[in-house]
Amino acid sequence: MVSRRTILVTGGAGFIGSNFIHYINKTEPEIFIVNLDALTYAANLDNLKNLLAPSQYIFIHGNLCDEQLV
């Protein structure tokens, strides 16, 4: 049995993070993506509105320094 892999992307609403999420979403459809972003000045959730497999992705608004959240 193959287990489902999950990756955590921090800052995924920024330019680099959102492009990485699009790439993984397109090329590795078996990977579930968790995007943790504080939505500061460089973030834009519109960068992620056209994912090919949105069911393979979840967004969490929060800060990486929040140990309980992470």
N, C-alpha and C. Protein backbone atom coordinates (compact mmCIF):
# COMPACT_ATOMS: atom_id res chain seq x y z
N MET A 1 0.84 -1.18 0.00
CA MET A 1 0.00 0.00 0.00
C MET A 1 0.88 1.25 0.00
N VAL A 2 0.58 2.18 -0.85
CA VAL A 2 1.33 3.44 -0.93
C VAL A 2 0.60 4.48 -0.09
N SER A 3 1.34 5.08 0.84
CA SER A 3 0.72 6.12 1.66
C SER A 3 0.77 7.45 0.92
N ARG A 4 -0.17 8.29 1.24
CA ARG A 4 -0.24 9.61 0.62
C ARG A 4 0.80 10.52 1.26
N ARG A 5 1.55 11.20 0.43
CA ARG A 5 2.56 12.13 0.93
C ARG A 5 1.96 13.52 1.05
N THR A 6 2.40 14.22 2.08
CA THR A 6 1.96 15.59 2.33
C THR A 6 3.20 16.45 2.50
N ILE A 7 3.16 17.63 1.88
CA ILE A 7 4.25 18.59 2.09
C ILE A 7 3.67 19.88 2.66
N LEU A 8 4.48 20.55 3.46
CA LEU A 8 4.13 21.84 4.02
C LEU A 8 4.94 22.90 3.28
N VAL A 9 4.24 23.87 2.71
CA VAL A 9 4.89 25.00 2.03
C VAL A 9 4.60 26.23 2.87
N THR A 10 5.66 26.88 3.33
CA THR A 10 5.48 28.13 4.08
C THR A 10 5.67 29.29 3.12
N GLY A 11 4.83 30.29 3.27
CA GLY A 11 4.91 31.43 2.35
C GLY A 11 4.40 31.10 0.96
N GLY A 12 3.46 30.19 0.88
CA GLY A 12 2.97 29.72 -0.41
C GLY A 12 2.10 30.69 -1.18
N ALA A 13 1.75 31.82 -0.59
CA ALA A 13 0.95 32.81 -1.32
C ALA A 13 1.84 33.87 -1.96
N GLY A 14 3.14 33.79 -1.73
CA GLY A 14 4.07 34.71 -2.37
C GLY A 14 4.44 34.23 -3.77
N PHE A 15 5.30 34.96 -4.44
CA PHE A 15 5.66 34.65 -5.83
C PHE A 15 6.31 33.27 -5.97
N ILE A 16 7.37 33.04 -5.22
CA ILE A 16 8.10 31.78 -5.34
C ILE A 16 7.25 30.62 -4.81
N GLY A 17 6.66 30.79 -3.64
CA GLY A 17 5.85 29.72 -3.05
C GLY A 17 4.67 29.32 -3.90
N SER A 18 3.97 30.29 -4.47
CA SER A 18 2.80 29.96 -5.29
C SER A 18 3.21 29.25 -6.58
N ASN A 19 4.33 29.65 -7.16
CA ASN A 19 4.80 28.95 -8.36
C ASN A 19 5.25 27.53 -8.03
N PHE A 20 5.86 27.33 -6.87
CA PHE A 20 6.23 26.00 -6.44
C PHE A 20 4.99 25.14 -6.24
N ILE A 21 3.95 25.69 -5.60
CA ILE A 21 2.70 24.96 -5.39
C ILE A 21 2.07 24.57 -6.72
N HIS A 22 2.02 25.48 -7.67
CA HIS A 22 1.48 25.16 -9.00
C HIS A 22 2.27 24.03 -9.65
N TYR A 23 3.59 24.08 -9.54
CA TYR A 23 4.44 23.06 -10.13
C TYR A 23 4.17 21.69 -9.51
N ILE A 24 4.17 21.61 -8.19
CA ILE A 24 3.92 20.34 -7.50
C ILE A 24 2.51 19.85 -7.80
N ASN A 25 1.55 20.74 -7.78
CA ASN A 25 0.16 20.37 -8.04
C ASN A 25 -0.01 19.78 -9.43
N LYS A 26 0.77 20.26 -10.38
CA LYS A 26 0.69 19.79 -11.76
C LYS A 26 1.49 18.51 -11.99
N THR A 27 2.68 18.43 -11.41
CA THR A 27 3.60 17.33 -11.73
C THR A 27 3.53 16.16 -10.76
N GLU A 28 3.02 16.38 -9.55
CA GLU A 28 2.96 15.33 -8.52
C GLU A 28 1.55 15.26 -7.93
N PRO A 29 0.58 14.80 -8.69
CA PRO A 29 -0.82 14.85 -8.24
C PRO A 29 -1.11 14.01 -7.00
N GLU A 30 -0.20 13.10 -6.63
CA GLU A 30 -0.45 12.28 -5.45
C GLU A 30 -0.02 12.98 -4.16
N ILE A 31 0.63 14.12 -4.27
CA ILE A 31 1.09 14.86 -3.09
C ILE A 31 0.02 15.85 -2.65
N PHE A 32 -0.29 15.83 -1.35
CA PHE A 32 -1.21 16.79 -0.76
C PHE A 32 -0.38 17.96 -0.25
N ILE A 33 -0.79 19.18 -0.58
CA ILE A 33 -0.03 20.38 -0.25
C ILE A 33 -0.75 21.18 0.84
N VAL A 34 -0.03 21.48 1.91
CA VAL A 34 -0.52 22.36 2.97
C VAL A 34 0.26 23.66 2.84
N ASN A 35 -0.45 24.75 2.62
CA ASN A 35 0.16 26.06 2.45
C ASN A 35 -0.09 26.88 3.72
N LEU A 36 0.98 27.18 4.45
CA LEU A 36 0.89 27.99 5.65
C LEU A 36 1.48 29.36 5.34
N ASP A 37 0.67 30.39 5.43
CA ASP A 37 1.14 31.73 5.07
C ASP A 37 0.53 32.76 6.01
N ALA A 38 1.34 33.73 6.43
CA ALA A 38 0.88 34.80 7.31
C ALA A 38 0.20 35.92 6.53
N LEU A 39 0.25 35.85 5.22
CA LEU A 39 -0.37 36.86 4.34
C LEU A 39 0.15 38.27 4.65
N THR A 40 1.46 38.41 4.60
CA THR A 40 2.06 39.72 4.79
C THR A 40 2.10 40.47 3.45
N TYR A 41 2.91 41.48 3.35
CA TYR A 41 2.94 42.40 2.20
C TYR A 41 3.14 41.71 0.85
N ALA A 42 3.87 40.60 0.80
CA ALA A 42 4.20 39.98 -0.48
C ALA A 42 3.21 38.89 -0.89
N ALA A 43 2.26 38.58 -0.04
CA ALA A 43 1.34 37.47 -0.31
C ALA A 43 0.15 37.93 -1.14
N ASN A 44 -0.32 37.01 -1.98
CA ASN A 44 -1.50 37.28 -2.79
C ASN A 44 -2.18 35.95 -3.09
N LEU A 45 -3.30 35.68 -2.45
CA LEU A 45 -4.00 34.40 -2.65
C LEU A 45 -4.53 34.24 -4.07
N ASP A 46 -4.65 35.32 -4.82
CA ASP A 46 -5.06 35.20 -6.22
C ASP A 46 -4.05 34.40 -7.04
N ASN A 47 -2.81 34.33 -6.56
CA ASN A 47 -1.78 33.53 -7.25
C ASN A 47 -2.14 32.05 -7.27
N LEU A 48 -3.05 31.62 -6.40
CA LEU A 48 -3.35 30.20 -6.25
C LEU A 48 -4.77 29.84 -6.68
N LYS A 49 -5.47 30.74 -7.33
CA LYS A 49 -6.87 30.47 -7.64
C LYS A 49 -7.09 29.49 -8.79
N ASN A 50 -6.07 29.21 -9.60
CA ASN A 50 -6.24 28.33 -10.76
C ASN A 50 -5.48 27.02 -10.63
N LEU A 51 -5.47 26.43 -9.45
CA LEU A 51 -4.78 25.15 -9.28
C LEU A 51 -5.48 24.06 -10.08
N LEU A 52 -4.71 23.16 -10.66
CA LEU A 52 -5.28 22.07 -11.45
C LEU A 52 -6.05 21.08 -10.59
N ALA A 53 -5.55 20.82 -9.39
CA ALA A 53 -6.21 19.86 -8.50
C ALA A 53 -6.40 20.51 -7.13
N PRO A 54 -7.39 21.39 -7.01
CA PRO A 54 -7.59 22.08 -5.74
C PRO A 54 -7.92 21.15 -4.57
N SER A 55 -8.39 19.95 -4.85
CA SER A 55 -8.68 19.01 -3.76
C SER A 55 -7.40 18.46 -3.15
N GLN A 56 -6.27 18.71 -3.76
CA GLN A 56 -4.97 18.25 -3.26
C GLN A 56 -4.27 19.36 -2.48
N TYR A 57 -5.01 20.38 -2.08
CA TYR A 57 -4.39 21.59 -1.51
C TYR A 57 -5.28 22.17 -0.42
N ILE A 58 -4.62 22.68 0.63
CA ILE A 58 -5.34 23.43 1.66
C ILE A 58 -4.50 24.64 2.06
N PHE A 59 -5.18 25.76 2.33
CA PHE A 59 -4.52 26.97 2.80
C PHE A 59 -4.82 27.16 4.28
N ILE A 60 -3.78 27.49 5.04
CA ILE A 60 -3.95 27.82 6.46
C ILE A 60 -3.31 29.18 6.70
N HIS A 61 -4.12 30.10 7.22
CA HIS A 61 -3.60 31.44 7.53
C HIS A 61 -2.95 31.38 8.90
N GLY A 62 -1.65 31.61 8.93
CA GLY A 62 -0.95 31.57 10.21
C GLY A 62 0.52 31.84 10.03
N ASN A 63 1.20 31.84 11.17
CA ASN A 63 2.62 32.16 11.21
C ASN A 63 3.42 30.92 11.57
N LEU A 64 4.54 30.73 10.91
CA LEU A 64 5.41 29.60 11.16
C LEU A 64 5.92 29.59 12.60
N CYS A 65 5.96 30.72 13.24
CA CYS A 65 6.44 30.80 14.62
C CYS A 65 5.40 30.33 15.63
N ASP A 66 4.18 30.09 15.19
CA ASP A 66 3.12 29.59 16.07
C ASP A 66 3.25 28.07 16.20
N GLU A 67 3.94 27.64 17.23
CA GLU A 67 4.26 26.23 17.41
C GLU A 67 3.02 25.35 17.49
N GLN A 68 1.99 25.80 18.17
CA GLN A 68 0.77 24.99 18.27
C GLN A 68 0.09 24.82 16.93
N LEU A 69 0.08 25.84 16.13
CA LEU A 69 -0.54 25.77 14.80
C LEU A 69 0.23 24.81 13.89
N VAL A 70 1.53 24.94 13.91
CA VAL A 70 2.36 24.09 13.04
C VAL A 70 2.29 22.66 13.54
